[in-house]
């Protein structure tokens, strides 16, 4: 019986190791083979690491994307995608997420579970809040939130120890709020416009 248990454990371990994807460094990922057509990508889902679906006239998040278990780079810019599903966290290998200029109104409340995310670009959207779990993005290095309607920033931002750059330009933010964000993120290069004379 013990031998059977060991054999079963061995095969489970092998399957687990095979399911783990090697994360590419930023230079390799930037020059990696890019899929720009969803149907072409679906022909070999396991090969899709980098997917760029800009200006495809999508009106919602394409559910087919969840078939790409090795996806590390996703660009859905210039579609009309007002909401990202909470199930986005199933893309656990995702390192780069670009959803700019899509009329996005909300980020998933559980976005902090994307533990490998290093770069997020959601500029030129209609976001009003940064989710509380945003501070759990422990490997995040770049956050481009430029030109949104943000009026709430959670104190969990202080946990973003690897964050190098955060762009908050073209957002109305008071001096008090800018100072608070700066205190939370002393190691981060923050970009603001001149503060508003507002509460």
N, C-alpha and C. Protein backbone atom coordinates (compact mmCIF):
# COMPACT_ATOMS: atom_id res chain seq x y z
N UNK A 1 0.83 -1.21 0.00
CA UNK A 1 0.00 0.00 0.00
C UNK A 1 0.87 1.26 0.00
N UNK A 2 1.92 1.21 0.84
CA UNK A 2 2.82 2.36 0.91
C UNK A 2 3.49 2.63 -0.43
N UNK A 3 3.84 1.54 -1.12
CA UNK A 3 4.49 1.68 -2.43
C UNK A 3 3.55 2.35 -3.43
N UNK A 4 2.27 1.97 -3.38
CA UNK A 4 1.28 2.57 -4.29
C UNK A 4 1.14 4.07 -4.01
N UNK A 5 1.13 4.42 -2.72
CA UNK A 5 1.03 5.84 -2.34
C UNK A 5 2.23 6.61 -2.86
N UNK A 6 3.42 6.02 -2.75
CA UNK A 6 4.62 6.69 -3.25
C UNK A 6 4.58 6.90 -4.76
N UNK A 7 4.07 5.90 -5.46
CA UNK A 7 3.97 5.99 -6.91
C UNK A 7 2.99 7.10 -7.31
N UNK A 8 1.83 7.11 -6.64
CA UNK A 8 0.82 8.15 -6.93
C UNK A 8 1.40 9.53 -6.64
N UNK A 9 2.08 9.68 -5.52
CA UNK A 9 2.70 10.96 -5.16
C UNK A 9 3.73 11.39 -6.19
N UNK A 10 4.51 10.42 -6.68
CA UNK A 10 5.53 10.72 -7.68
C UNK A 10 4.91 11.28 -8.95
N UNK A 11 3.82 10.65 -9.42
CA UNK A 11 3.17 11.13 -10.64
C UNK A 11 2.51 12.49 -10.43
N UNK A 12 1.95 12.70 -9.24
CA UNK A 12 1.37 14.00 -8.94
C UNK A 12 2.45 15.08 -8.97
N UNK A 13 3.61 14.78 -8.41
CA UNK A 13 4.72 15.73 -8.38
C UNK A 13 5.21 16.03 -9.78
N UNK A 14 5.29 15.00 -10.61
CA UNK A 14 5.73 15.20 -12.00
C UNK A 14 4.76 16.12 -12.75
N UNK A 15 3.47 15.87 -12.56
CA UNK A 15 2.46 16.71 -13.23
C UNK A 15 2.54 18.14 -12.74
N UNK A 16 2.78 18.33 -11.46
CA UNK A 16 2.89 19.68 -10.89
C UNK A 16 4.07 20.42 -11.49
N UNK A 17 5.22 19.75 -11.57
CA UNK A 17 6.44 20.38 -12.11
C UNK A 17 6.23 20.74 -13.57
N UNK A 18 5.58 19.82 -14.33
CA UNK A 18 5.35 20.10 -15.75
C UNK A 18 4.41 21.27 -15.97
N UNK A 19 3.52 21.48 -14.99
CA UNK A 19 2.54 22.56 -15.15
C UNK A 19 3.11 23.93 -14.84
N UNK A 20 4.29 23.96 -14.22
CA UNK A 20 4.90 25.23 -13.88
C UNK A 20 5.58 25.85 -15.09
N UNK A 21 5.32 27.08 -15.36
CA UNK A 21 5.90 27.77 -16.50
C UNK A 21 7.07 28.61 -16.05
N UNK A 22 8.14 28.57 -16.81
CA UNK A 22 9.29 29.42 -16.51
C UNK A 22 8.95 30.85 -16.90
N UNK A 23 9.06 31.75 -15.93
CA UNK A 23 8.78 33.16 -16.21
C UNK A 23 9.95 33.77 -16.96
N UNK A 24 9.65 34.48 -18.04
CA UNK A 24 10.68 35.11 -18.85
C UNK A 24 11.11 36.43 -18.22
N UNK A 25 12.38 36.79 -18.42
CA UNK A 25 12.82 38.11 -17.98
C UNK A 25 12.23 39.16 -18.92
N UNK A 26 12.28 40.41 -18.49
CA UNK A 26 11.60 41.48 -19.22
C UNK A 26 12.13 41.66 -20.64
N UNK A 27 13.42 41.50 -20.85
CA UNK A 27 13.99 41.67 -22.18
C UNK A 27 13.51 40.56 -23.11
N UNK A 28 13.57 39.32 -22.63
CA UNK A 28 13.12 38.19 -23.44
C UNK A 28 11.63 38.30 -23.74
N UNK A 29 10.86 38.69 -22.75
CA UNK A 29 9.41 38.80 -22.94
C UNK A 29 9.07 39.89 -23.96
N UNK A 30 9.83 40.98 -23.94
CA UNK A 30 9.57 42.09 -24.86
C UNK A 30 9.78 41.68 -26.32
N UNK A 31 10.66 40.74 -26.56
CA UNK A 31 10.99 40.33 -27.93
C UNK A 31 10.43 38.95 -28.28
N UNK A 32 9.61 38.39 -27.41
CA UNK A 32 9.08 37.04 -27.61
C UNK A 32 8.05 37.02 -28.73
N UNK A 33 7.82 35.83 -29.28
CA UNK A 33 6.81 35.68 -30.34
C UNK A 33 5.47 36.19 -29.84
N UNK A 34 4.86 37.05 -30.65
CA UNK A 34 3.62 37.73 -30.26
C UNK A 34 2.47 37.23 -31.13
N UNK A 35 1.40 36.84 -30.48
CA UNK A 35 0.17 36.49 -31.19
C UNK A 35 -0.74 37.71 -31.21
N UNK A 36 -1.25 38.03 -32.40
CA UNK A 36 -2.12 39.21 -32.53
C UNK A 36 -3.51 38.83 -33.06
N UNK A 37 -3.75 37.55 -33.20
CA UNK A 37 -5.06 37.07 -33.66
C UNK A 37 -5.52 35.96 -32.72
N UNK A 38 -6.70 36.12 -32.15
CA UNK A 38 -7.17 35.17 -31.15
C UNK A 38 -7.37 33.78 -31.74
N UNK A 39 -7.93 33.69 -32.93
CA UNK A 39 -8.16 32.39 -33.54
C UNK A 39 -6.86 31.65 -33.83
N UNK A 40 -5.87 32.39 -34.30
CA UNK A 40 -4.56 31.78 -34.56
C UNK A 40 -3.94 31.29 -33.25
N UNK A 41 -4.09 32.08 -32.20
CA UNK A 41 -3.54 31.70 -30.90
C UNK A 41 -4.20 30.43 -30.37
N UNK A 42 -5.50 30.28 -30.62
CA UNK A 42 -6.24 29.12 -30.11
C UNK A 42 -5.84 27.82 -30.78
N UNK A 43 -5.12 27.89 -31.89
CA UNK A 43 -4.66 26.68 -32.56
C UNK A 43 -3.60 25.96 -31.74
N UNK A 44 -2.82 26.72 -30.96
CA UNK A 44 -1.79 26.14 -30.09
C UNK A 44 -1.77 26.87 -28.75
N UNK A 45 -2.79 26.67 -27.93
CA UNK A 45 -2.92 27.45 -26.69
C UNK A 45 -1.72 27.38 -25.76
N UNK A 46 -1.08 26.22 -25.70
CA UNK A 46 0.05 26.08 -24.77
C UNK A 46 1.28 26.87 -25.20
N UNK A 47 1.31 27.29 -26.47
CA UNK A 47 2.46 28.05 -26.98
C UNK A 47 2.31 29.55 -26.78
N UNK A 48 1.13 29.98 -26.35
CA UNK A 48 0.85 31.42 -26.28
C UNK A 48 1.37 31.99 -24.96
N UNK A 49 2.42 32.79 -25.08
CA UNK A 49 3.02 33.47 -23.93
C UNK A 49 2.73 34.97 -23.99
N UNK A 50 2.65 35.49 -25.21
CA UNK A 50 2.46 36.93 -25.42
C UNK A 50 1.30 37.13 -26.38
N UNK A 51 0.26 37.84 -25.91
CA UNK A 51 -0.94 38.03 -26.70
C UNK A 51 -1.30 39.51 -26.76
N UNK A 52 -1.36 40.06 -27.96
CA UNK A 52 -1.70 41.47 -28.17
C UNK A 52 -2.94 41.55 -29.04
N UNK A 53 -4.03 42.01 -28.43
CA UNK A 53 -5.32 42.10 -29.14
C UNK A 53 -5.82 43.53 -29.11
N UNK A 54 -5.02 44.44 -29.60
CA UNK A 54 -5.38 45.85 -29.64
C UNK A 54 -6.34 46.13 -30.79
N UNK A 55 -7.28 47.06 -30.55
CA UNK A 55 -8.20 47.54 -31.60
C UNK A 55 -8.93 46.40 -32.31
N UNK A 56 -9.43 45.44 -31.53
CA UNK A 56 -10.17 44.31 -32.12
C UNK A 56 -11.68 44.46 -31.98
N UNK A 57 -12.10 45.60 -31.45
CA UNK A 57 -13.53 45.89 -31.29
C UNK A 57 -14.23 44.95 -30.31
N UNK A 58 -13.47 44.41 -29.36
CA UNK A 58 -14.09 43.61 -28.31
C UNK A 58 -14.92 44.51 -27.40
N UNK A 59 -16.06 44.01 -26.97
CA UNK A 59 -16.93 44.77 -26.07
C UNK A 59 -16.98 44.13 -24.68
N UNK A 60 -16.23 43.05 -24.51
CA UNK A 60 -16.05 42.43 -23.20
C UNK A 60 -14.79 41.59 -23.23
N UNK A 61 -14.35 41.18 -22.06
CA UNK A 61 -13.14 40.38 -21.95
C UNK A 61 -13.35 39.04 -22.65
N UNK A 62 -12.50 38.68 -23.63
CA UNK A 62 -12.67 37.41 -24.34
C UNK A 62 -12.38 36.22 -23.42
N UNK A 63 -13.39 35.40 -23.16
CA UNK A 63 -13.23 34.26 -22.25
C UNK A 63 -12.23 33.23 -22.78
N UNK A 64 -12.01 33.22 -24.09
CA UNK A 64 -11.07 32.26 -24.68
C UNK A 64 -9.66 32.44 -24.13
N UNK A 65 -9.36 33.62 -23.62
CA UNK A 65 -8.02 33.90 -23.11
C UNK A 65 -7.64 32.95 -21.97
N UNK A 66 -8.64 32.44 -21.26
CA UNK A 66 -8.34 31.54 -20.14
C UNK A 66 -7.77 30.20 -20.59
N UNK A 67 -7.79 29.93 -21.88
CA UNK A 67 -7.18 28.70 -22.39
C UNK A 67 -5.66 28.81 -22.47
N UNK A 68 -5.14 30.02 -22.32
CA UNK A 68 -3.69 30.23 -22.47
C UNK A 68 -3.03 30.18 -21.10
N UNK A 69 -2.78 28.96 -20.64
CA UNK A 69 -2.26 28.75 -19.27
C UNK A 69 -0.85 29.29 -19.08
N UNK A 70 -0.11 29.49 -20.18
CA UNK A 70 1.27 29.98 -20.09
C UNK A 70 1.39 31.47 -20.38
N UNK A 71 0.26 32.17 -20.44
CA UNK A 71 0.25 33.58 -20.82
C UNK A 71 0.99 34.44 -19.80
N UNK A 72 1.93 35.25 -20.30
CA UNK A 72 2.70 36.14 -19.43
C UNK A 72 2.53 37.61 -19.80
N UNK A 73 2.01 37.87 -20.99
CA UNK A 73 1.87 39.25 -21.49
C UNK A 73 0.53 39.36 -22.19
N UNK A 74 -0.30 40.30 -21.74
CA UNK A 74 -1.62 40.48 -22.34
C UNK A 74 -1.89 41.95 -22.58
N UNK A 75 -2.21 42.30 -23.82
CA UNK A 75 -2.53 43.68 -24.20
C UNK A 75 -3.91 43.69 -24.87
N UNK A 76 -4.86 44.36 -24.21
CA UNK A 76 -6.22 44.48 -24.74
C UNK A 76 -6.59 45.93 -25.01
N UNK A 77 -5.62 46.77 -25.21
CA UNK A 77 -5.84 48.21 -25.35
C UNK A 77 -6.74 48.55 -26.54
N UNK A 78 -7.44 49.69 -26.38
CA UNK A 78 -8.25 50.28 -27.45
C UNK A 78 -9.37 49.34 -27.94
N UNK A 79 -9.93 48.59 -26.99
CA UNK A 79 -11.20 47.90 -27.21
C UNK A 79 -12.21 48.63 -26.33
N UNK A 80 -13.38 48.06 -26.15
CA UNK A 80 -14.34 48.62 -25.19
C UNK A 80 -14.61 47.52 -24.16
N UNK A 81 -13.80 47.52 -23.12
CA UNK A 81 -13.90 46.51 -22.07
C UNK A 81 -14.03 47.24 -20.74
N UNK A 82 -15.25 47.39 -20.28
CA UNK A 82 -15.51 48.20 -19.09
C UNK A 82 -15.19 47.46 -17.79
N UNK A 83 -15.03 46.14 -17.89
CA UNK A 83 -14.83 45.36 -16.67
C UNK A 83 -13.94 44.16 -16.96
N UNK A 84 -13.05 43.86 -16.04
CA UNK A 84 -12.25 42.64 -16.11
C UNK A 84 -12.83 41.64 -15.12
N UNK A 85 -12.92 40.38 -15.50
CA UNK A 85 -13.52 39.39 -14.60
C UNK A 85 -12.62 39.08 -13.41
N UNK A 86 -13.24 38.72 -12.28
CA UNK A 86 -12.46 38.28 -11.12
C UNK A 86 -11.62 37.05 -11.44
N UNK A 87 -12.09 36.27 -12.41
CA UNK A 87 -11.37 35.06 -12.80
C UNK A 87 -10.06 35.37 -13.53
N UNK A 88 -9.76 36.64 -13.73
CA UNK A 88 -8.47 37.02 -14.32
C UNK A 88 -7.31 36.42 -13.54
N UNK A 89 -7.52 36.19 -12.25
CA UNK A 89 -6.45 35.65 -11.40
C UNK A 89 -6.07 34.23 -11.77
N UNK A 90 -6.86 33.59 -12.64
CA UNK A 90 -6.48 32.26 -13.12
C UNK A 90 -5.23 32.32 -13.99
N UNK A 91 -4.93 33.51 -14.51
CA UNK A 91 -3.73 33.69 -15.35
C UNK A 91 -2.54 33.98 -14.44
N UNK A 92 -2.14 32.97 -13.68
CA UNK A 92 -1.16 33.16 -12.62
C UNK A 92 0.25 33.47 -13.12
N UNK A 93 0.53 33.23 -14.40
CA UNK A 93 1.86 33.54 -14.94
C UNK A 93 1.94 34.94 -15.52
N UNK A 94 0.84 35.67 -15.47
CA UNK A 94 0.79 36.99 -16.10
C UNK A 94 1.79 37.95 -15.44
N UNK A 95 2.66 38.53 -16.27
CA UNK A 95 3.64 39.51 -15.79
C UNK A 95 3.31 40.93 -16.26
N UNK A 96 2.70 41.03 -17.43
CA UNK A 96 2.38 42.34 -18.02
C UNK A 96 0.91 42.35 -18.40
N UNK A 97 0.19 43.35 -17.90
CA UNK A 97 -1.22 43.52 -18.23
C UNK A 97 -1.44 44.94 -18.72
N UNK A 98 -1.89 45.06 -19.97
CA UNK A 98 -2.13 46.38 -20.58
C UNK A 98 -3.59 46.44 -21.01
N UNK A 99 -4.34 47.30 -20.37
CA UNK A 99 -5.76 47.49 -20.69
C UNK A 99 -6.02 48.99 -20.73
N UNK A 100 -5.30 49.68 -21.57
CA UNK A 100 -5.42 51.14 -21.64
C UNK A 100 -6.46 51.54 -22.68
N UNK A 101 -7.12 52.67 -22.40
CA UNK A 101 -8.07 53.26 -23.35
C UNK A 101 -9.15 52.27 -23.78
N UNK A 102 -9.80 51.66 -22.78
CA UNK A 102 -10.87 50.69 -23.06
C UNK A 102 -12.18 51.07 -22.36
N UNK A 103 -12.22 52.23 -21.71
CA UNK A 103 -13.37 52.66 -20.90
C UNK A 103 -13.54 51.79 -19.65
N UNK A 104 -12.46 51.19 -19.21
CA UNK A 104 -12.47 50.33 -18.02
C UNK A 104 -12.95 51.11 -16.80
N UNK A 105 -13.91 50.53 -16.07
CA UNK A 105 -14.49 51.20 -14.90
C UNK A 105 -14.04 50.58 -13.58
N UNK A 106 -13.64 49.33 -13.61
CA UNK A 106 -13.25 48.64 -12.38
C UNK A 106 -12.10 47.69 -12.64
N UNK A 107 -11.23 47.56 -11.66
CA UNK A 107 -10.27 46.47 -11.63
C UNK A 107 -10.84 45.38 -10.72
N UNK A 108 -10.51 44.12 -10.96
CA UNK A 108 -11.02 43.06 -10.08
C UNK A 108 -10.61 43.32 -8.62
N UNK A 109 -11.53 43.08 -7.70
CA UNK A 109 -11.23 43.29 -6.28
C UNK A 109 -10.11 42.38 -5.80
N UNK A 110 -9.95 41.24 -6.46
CA UNK A 110 -8.94 40.26 -6.05
C UNK A 110 -7.67 40.33 -6.89
N UNK A 111 -7.45 41.45 -7.56
CA UNK A 111 -6.31 41.55 -8.48
C UNK A 111 -4.97 41.28 -7.80
N UNK A 112 -4.92 41.49 -6.50
CA UNK A 112 -3.69 41.24 -5.75
C UNK A 112 -3.21 39.81 -5.78
N UNK A 113 -4.05 38.90 -6.25
CA UNK A 113 -3.66 37.49 -6.33
C UNK A 113 -2.82 37.19 -7.57
N UNK A 114 -2.63 38.18 -8.44
CA UNK A 114 -1.73 38.00 -9.59
C UNK A 114 -0.30 38.24 -9.11
N UNK A 115 0.25 37.26 -8.43
CA UNK A 115 1.51 37.43 -7.71
C UNK A 115 2.71 37.67 -8.61
N UNK A 116 2.62 37.32 -9.88
CA UNK A 116 3.77 37.51 -10.79
C UNK A 116 3.67 38.79 -11.61
N UNK A 117 2.60 39.57 -11.41
CA UNK A 117 2.42 40.79 -12.20
C UNK A 117 3.49 41.81 -11.87
N UNK A 118 4.20 42.27 -12.91
CA UNK A 118 5.28 43.25 -12.74
C UNK A 118 4.92 44.62 -13.33
N UNK A 119 4.03 44.62 -14.31
CA UNK A 119 3.72 45.86 -15.04
C UNK A 119 2.23 45.89 -15.33
N UNK A 120 1.57 46.93 -14.88
CA UNK A 120 0.15 47.12 -15.20
C UNK A 120 -0.03 48.49 -15.83
N UNK A 121 -0.75 48.54 -16.95
CA UNK A 121 -1.04 49.79 -17.64
C UNK A 121 -2.55 49.84 -17.87
N UNK A 122 -3.21 50.72 -17.12
CA UNK A 122 -4.66 50.91 -17.26
C UNK A 122 -4.95 52.40 -17.48
N UNK A 123 -4.08 53.07 -18.19
CA UNK A 123 -4.25 54.52 -18.37
C UNK A 123 -5.41 54.84 -19.33
N UNK A 124 -5.87 56.10 -19.25
CA UNK A 124 -6.94 56.61 -20.11
C UNK A 124 -8.23 55.80 -20.00
N UNK A 125 -8.63 55.56 -18.75
CA UNK A 125 -9.86 54.82 -18.49
C UNK A 125 -10.75 55.59 -17.54
N UNK A 126 -11.76 54.90 -16.98
CA UNK A 126 -12.72 55.54 -16.09
C UNK A 126 -12.67 54.95 -14.68
N UNK A 127 -11.50 54.52 -14.26
CA UNK A 127 -11.36 53.95 -12.92
C UNK A 127 -11.57 55.03 -11.87
N UNK A 128 -12.28 54.69 -10.80
CA UNK A 128 -12.50 55.64 -9.70
C UNK A 128 -11.79 55.20 -8.43
N UNK A 129 -11.47 53.92 -8.32
CA UNK A 129 -10.79 53.43 -7.12
C UNK A 129 -9.69 52.45 -7.48
N UNK A 130 -8.70 52.38 -6.60
CA UNK A 130 -7.68 51.34 -6.66
C UNK A 130 -8.10 50.28 -5.65
N UNK A 131 -8.26 49.02 -6.08
CA UNK A 131 -8.72 48.00 -5.15
C UNK A 131 -7.80 47.83 -3.94
N UNK A 132 -8.39 47.45 -2.82
CA UNK A 132 -7.63 47.25 -1.59
C UNK A 132 -6.53 46.21 -1.78
N UNK A 133 -6.81 45.18 -2.57
CA UNK A 133 -5.83 44.10 -2.76
C UNK A 133 -4.67 44.49 -3.68
N UNK A 134 -4.74 45.69 -4.27
CA UNK A 134 -3.67 46.14 -5.17
C UNK A 134 -2.31 46.08 -4.48
N UNK A 135 -2.32 46.33 -3.18
CA UNK A 135 -1.07 46.30 -2.41
C UNK A 135 -0.48 44.92 -2.26
N UNK A 136 -1.23 43.87 -2.64
CA UNK A 136 -0.72 42.51 -2.57
C UNK A 136 0.04 42.10 -3.82
N UNK A 137 0.15 43.01 -4.78
CA UNK A 137 0.93 42.72 -6.01
C UNK A 137 2.41 42.84 -5.68
N UNK A 138 2.93 41.85 -5.01
CA UNK A 138 4.24 41.94 -4.37
C UNK A 138 5.41 42.09 -5.33
N UNK A 139 5.21 41.75 -6.60
CA UNK A 139 6.29 41.89 -7.58
C UNK A 139 6.09 43.05 -8.55
N UNK A 140 5.07 43.88 -8.29
CA UNK A 140 4.76 44.98 -9.20
C UNK A 140 5.89 46.01 -9.21
N UNK A 141 6.32 46.38 -10.42
CA UNK A 141 7.40 47.36 -10.59
C UNK A 141 6.91 48.65 -11.26
N UNK A 142 5.93 48.54 -12.16
CA UNK A 142 5.43 49.69 -12.89
C UNK A 142 3.91 49.70 -12.86
N UNK A 143 3.34 50.83 -12.46
CA UNK A 143 1.88 50.99 -12.44
C UNK A 143 1.53 52.28 -13.17
N UNK A 144 0.95 52.16 -14.34
CA UNK A 144 0.56 53.32 -15.14
C UNK A 144 -0.95 53.51 -14.99
N UNK A 145 -1.33 54.47 -14.15
CA UNK A 145 -2.74 54.76 -13.89
C UNK A 145 -3.14 56.13 -14.45
N UNK A 146 -2.30 56.69 -15.27
CA UNK A 146 -2.47 58.03 -15.82
C UNK A 146 -3.87 58.21 -16.43
N UNK A 147 -4.44 59.38 -16.20
CA UNK A 147 -5.70 59.80 -16.81
C UNK A 147 -6.86 58.86 -16.49
N UNK A 148 -7.18 58.79 -15.19
CA UNK A 148 -8.38 58.10 -14.72
C UNK A 148 -9.14 59.07 -13.81
N UNK A 149 -10.23 58.60 -13.23
CA UNK A 149 -11.03 59.43 -12.33
C UNK A 149 -10.83 58.99 -10.88
N UNK A 150 -9.64 58.60 -10.55
CA UNK A 150 -9.36 58.02 -9.24
C UNK A 150 -9.57 59.03 -8.11
N UNK A 151 -10.33 58.59 -7.11
CA UNK A 151 -10.49 59.44 -5.92
C UNK A 151 -10.29 58.64 -4.63
N UNK A 152 -9.79 57.41 -4.77
CA UNK A 152 -9.51 56.60 -3.58
C UNK A 152 -8.25 55.77 -3.80
N UNK A 153 -7.34 55.87 -2.84
CA UNK A 153 -6.10 55.10 -2.87
C UNK A 153 -5.95 54.40 -1.52
N UNK A 154 -5.92 53.07 -1.48
CA UNK A 154 -5.86 52.36 -0.21
C UNK A 154 -4.47 52.41 0.43
N UNK A 155 -4.43 52.34 1.74
CA UNK A 155 -3.15 52.36 2.45
C UNK A 155 -2.30 51.13 2.16
N UNK A 156 -2.91 50.12 1.57
CA UNK A 156 -2.15 48.90 1.22
C UNK A 156 -1.09 49.17 0.16
N UNK A 157 -1.15 50.32 -0.51
CA UNK A 157 -0.11 50.67 -1.48
C UNK A 157 1.27 50.66 -0.82
N UNK A 158 1.31 50.89 0.47
CA UNK A 158 2.57 50.93 1.20
C UNK A 158 3.30 49.58 1.15
N UNK A 159 2.59 48.52 0.79
CA UNK A 159 3.21 47.18 0.74
C UNK A 159 3.95 46.92 -0.57
N UNK A 160 3.85 47.85 -1.53
CA UNK A 160 4.45 47.63 -2.85
C UNK A 160 5.94 47.97 -2.81
N UNK A 161 6.71 47.12 -2.19
CA UNK A 161 8.14 47.39 -1.95
C UNK A 161 8.97 47.36 -3.22
N UNK A 162 8.51 46.69 -4.27
CA UNK A 162 9.28 46.60 -5.51
C UNK A 162 8.84 47.63 -6.54
N UNK A 163 7.84 48.44 -6.21
CA UNK A 163 7.31 49.40 -7.18
C UNK A 163 8.34 50.50 -7.47
N UNK A 164 8.71 50.62 -8.74
CA UNK A 164 9.70 51.62 -9.15
C UNK A 164 9.05 52.90 -9.65
N UNK A 165 7.94 52.75 -10.40
CA UNK A 165 7.31 53.91 -11.04
C UNK A 165 5.79 53.78 -10.92
N UNK A 166 5.14 54.88 -10.54
CA UNK A 166 3.69 54.96 -10.60
C UNK A 166 3.31 56.29 -11.22
N UNK A 167 2.53 56.23 -12.30
CA UNK A 167 2.12 57.44 -13.02
C UNK A 167 0.68 57.78 -12.63
N UNK A 168 0.51 58.92 -11.95
CA UNK A 168 -0.80 59.39 -11.51
C UNK A 168 -1.11 60.76 -12.10
N UNK A 169 -0.53 61.06 -13.24
CA UNK A 169 -0.79 62.34 -13.89
C UNK A 169 -2.19 62.38 -14.50
N UNK A 170 -2.65 63.59 -14.71
CA UNK A 170 -3.98 63.83 -15.27
C UNK A 170 -5.07 63.23 -14.39
N UNK A 171 -4.83 63.27 -13.08
CA UNK A 171 -5.81 62.85 -12.08
C UNK A 171 -5.87 63.96 -11.03
N UNK A 172 -7.06 64.36 -10.66
CA UNK A 172 -7.21 65.43 -9.67
C UNK A 172 -6.93 64.87 -8.28
N UNK A 173 -5.81 65.30 -7.69
CA UNK A 173 -5.40 64.80 -6.37
C UNK A 173 -4.94 65.99 -5.53
N UNK A 174 -5.44 66.07 -4.32
CA UNK A 174 -5.05 67.17 -3.43
C UNK A 174 -3.61 67.00 -2.95
N UNK A 175 -3.04 68.10 -2.45
CA UNK A 175 -1.68 68.05 -1.92
C UNK A 175 -1.59 67.05 -0.76
N UNK A 176 -2.60 67.05 0.09
CA UNK A 176 -2.62 66.14 1.23
C UNK A 176 -2.58 64.69 0.78
N UNK A 177 -3.35 64.38 -0.25
CA UNK A 177 -3.40 63.01 -0.76
C UNK A 177 -2.10 62.64 -1.46
N UNK A 178 -1.51 63.58 -2.19
CA UNK A 178 -0.23 63.31 -2.84
C UNK A 178 0.86 63.03 -1.79
N UNK A 179 0.85 63.83 -0.72
CA UNK A 179 1.84 63.62 0.35
C UNK A 179 1.66 62.25 0.98
N UNK A 180 0.42 61.84 1.17
CA UNK A 180 0.14 60.55 1.79
C UNK A 180 0.66 59.41 0.92
N UNK A 181 0.40 59.50 -0.37
CA UNK A 181 0.87 58.45 -1.30
C UNK A 181 2.40 58.42 -1.33
N UNK A 182 3.01 59.61 -1.33
CA UNK A 182 4.47 59.68 -1.33
C UNK A 182 5.05 59.05 -0.07
N UNK A 183 4.41 59.27 1.06
CA UNK A 183 4.88 58.67 2.32
C UNK A 183 4.73 57.15 2.31
N UNK A 184 3.68 56.67 1.67
CA UNK A 184 3.50 55.22 1.56
C UNK A 184 4.56 54.59 0.68
N UNK A 185 4.99 55.33 -0.35
CA UNK A 185 5.88 54.79 -1.38
C UNK A 185 7.15 55.63 -1.52
N UNK A 186 7.96 55.71 -0.48
CA UNK A 186 9.14 56.59 -0.53
C UNK A 186 10.19 56.14 -1.54
N UNK A 187 10.18 54.87 -1.90
CA UNK A 187 11.18 54.33 -2.83
C UNK A 187 10.72 54.41 -4.28
N UNK A 188 9.50 54.90 -4.51
CA UNK A 188 8.90 54.88 -5.84
C UNK A 188 8.96 56.26 -6.49
N UNK A 189 9.25 56.28 -7.80
CA UNK A 189 9.18 57.52 -8.57
C UNK A 189 7.71 57.76 -8.91
N UNK A 190 7.13 58.79 -8.31
CA UNK A 190 5.72 59.10 -8.51
C UNK A 190 5.56 60.31 -9.43
N UNK A 191 4.64 60.21 -10.36
CA UNK A 191 4.36 61.32 -11.27
C UNK A 191 2.97 61.85 -10.97
N UNK A 192 2.89 63.11 -10.57
CA UNK A 192 1.63 63.80 -10.31
C UNK A 192 1.56 65.06 -11.17
N UNK A 193 0.35 65.55 -11.39
CA UNK A 193 0.17 66.93 -11.83
C UNK A 193 0.20 67.82 -10.61
N UNK A 194 0.15 69.12 -10.82
CA UNK A 194 0.07 70.06 -9.69
C UNK A 194 -1.17 69.70 -8.89
N UNK A 195 -1.08 69.73 -7.56
CA UNK A 195 -2.23 69.36 -6.73
C UNK A 195 -3.39 70.32 -6.90
N UNK A 196 -4.58 69.77 -6.71
CA UNK A 196 -5.77 70.63 -6.78
C UNK A 196 -6.00 71.29 -5.43
N UNK A 197 -6.73 72.37 -5.44
CA UNK A 197 -7.13 73.04 -4.20
C UNK A 197 -8.49 72.47 -3.81
N UNK A 198 -8.46 71.19 -3.36
CA UNK A 198 -9.70 70.49 -3.09
C UNK A 198 -9.51 69.54 -1.92
N UNK A 199 -10.61 69.01 -1.45
CA UNK A 199 -10.56 68.05 -0.33
C UNK A 199 -10.59 66.63 -0.89
